[in-house]
């Protein structure tokens, strides 16, 4: 579980770097999984947890 959590947090940090942010991440697998169950979308989940990019910005799919 610790390895999965570390990988998850490294991925979230890389996601943030793609938007020009350098953040420290300490999310649990459970926390992310519960949000995914609500949003049905991993990208939306990470955006809600990190606030990156700004939720008010338009998203292009």
Protein backbone atom coordinates (compact mmCIF):
# COMPACT_ATOMS: atom_id res chain seq x y z
CA UNK A 1 0.00 0.00 0.00
CA UNK A 2 2.85 2.38 0.80
CA UNK A 3 4.34 1.82 -2.66
CA UNK A 4 0.99 2.52 -4.30
CA UNK A 5 0.54 5.69 -2.26
CA UNK A 6 4.03 6.90 -3.12
CA UNK A 7 3.41 6.26 -6.83
CA UNK A 8 0.06 8.05 -6.66
CA UNK A 9 1.60 11.11 -5.00
CA UNK A 10 4.48 11.18 -7.47
CA UNK A 11 1.96 11.09 -10.33
CA UNK A 12 -0.07 13.93 -8.80
CA UNK A 13 3.13 15.98 -8.39
CA UNK A 14 3.99 15.35 -12.06
CA UNK A 15 0.47 16.39 -13.04
CA UNK A 16 0.98 19.68 -11.20
CA UNK A 17 4.37 20.22 -12.84
CA UNK A 18 2.70 19.95 -16.25
CA UNK A 19 0.81 23.11 -15.27
CA UNK A 20 3.93 24.84 -13.93
CA UNK A 21 3.41 24.14 -10.22
CA UNK A 22 5.80 22.43 -7.81
CA UNK A 23 3.70 21.01 -4.99
CA UNK A 24 4.17 18.61 -2.11
CA UNK A 25 1.58 15.83 -2.19
CA UNK A 26 0.36 13.71 0.70
CA UNK A 27 -2.85 12.14 -0.59
CA UNK A 28 -3.95 8.72 0.55
CA UNK A 29 -5.14 6.06 -1.87
CA UNK A 30 -8.46 6.02 -0.04
CA UNK A 31 -8.90 9.79 -0.34
CA UNK A 32 -8.31 9.69 -4.09
CA UNK A 33 -10.43 6.56 -4.59
CA UNK A 34 -13.40 8.12 -2.78
CA UNK A 35 -13.18 11.21 -4.99
CA UNK A 36 -12.94 9.07 -8.15
CA UNK A 37 -16.15 7.33 -7.10
CA UNK A 38 -17.84 10.74 -6.96
CA UNK A 39 -16.42 12.16 -10.20
CA UNK A 40 -15.87 9.01 -12.30
CA UNK A 41 -12.81 10.80 -13.75
CA UNK A 42 -9.21 10.72 -12.48
CA UNK A 43 -8.30 14.05 -14.06
CA UNK A 44 -11.30 15.76 -12.45
CA UNK A 45 -10.35 14.17 -9.13
CA UNK A 46 -6.79 15.47 -9.25
CA UNK A 47 -8.00 18.91 -10.28
CA UNK A 48 -10.38 19.03 -7.32
CA UNK A 49 -7.72 17.83 -4.87
CA UNK A 50 -4.94 20.13 -6.11
CA UNK A 51 -6.99 23.05 -7.50
CA UNK A 52 -4.70 22.85 -10.57
CA UNK A 53 -5.60 24.15 -13.05
CA UNK A 54 -7.94 26.75 -11.64
CA UNK A 55 -11.43 25.22 -11.60
CA UNK A 56 -12.81 28.45 -13.07
CA UNK A 57 -10.67 28.03 -16.18
CA UNK A 58 -12.39 26.41 -19.14
CA UNK A 59 -11.42 22.81 -19.82
CA UNK A 60 -10.89 21.70 -23.39
CA UNK A 61 -11.39 18.04 -24.17
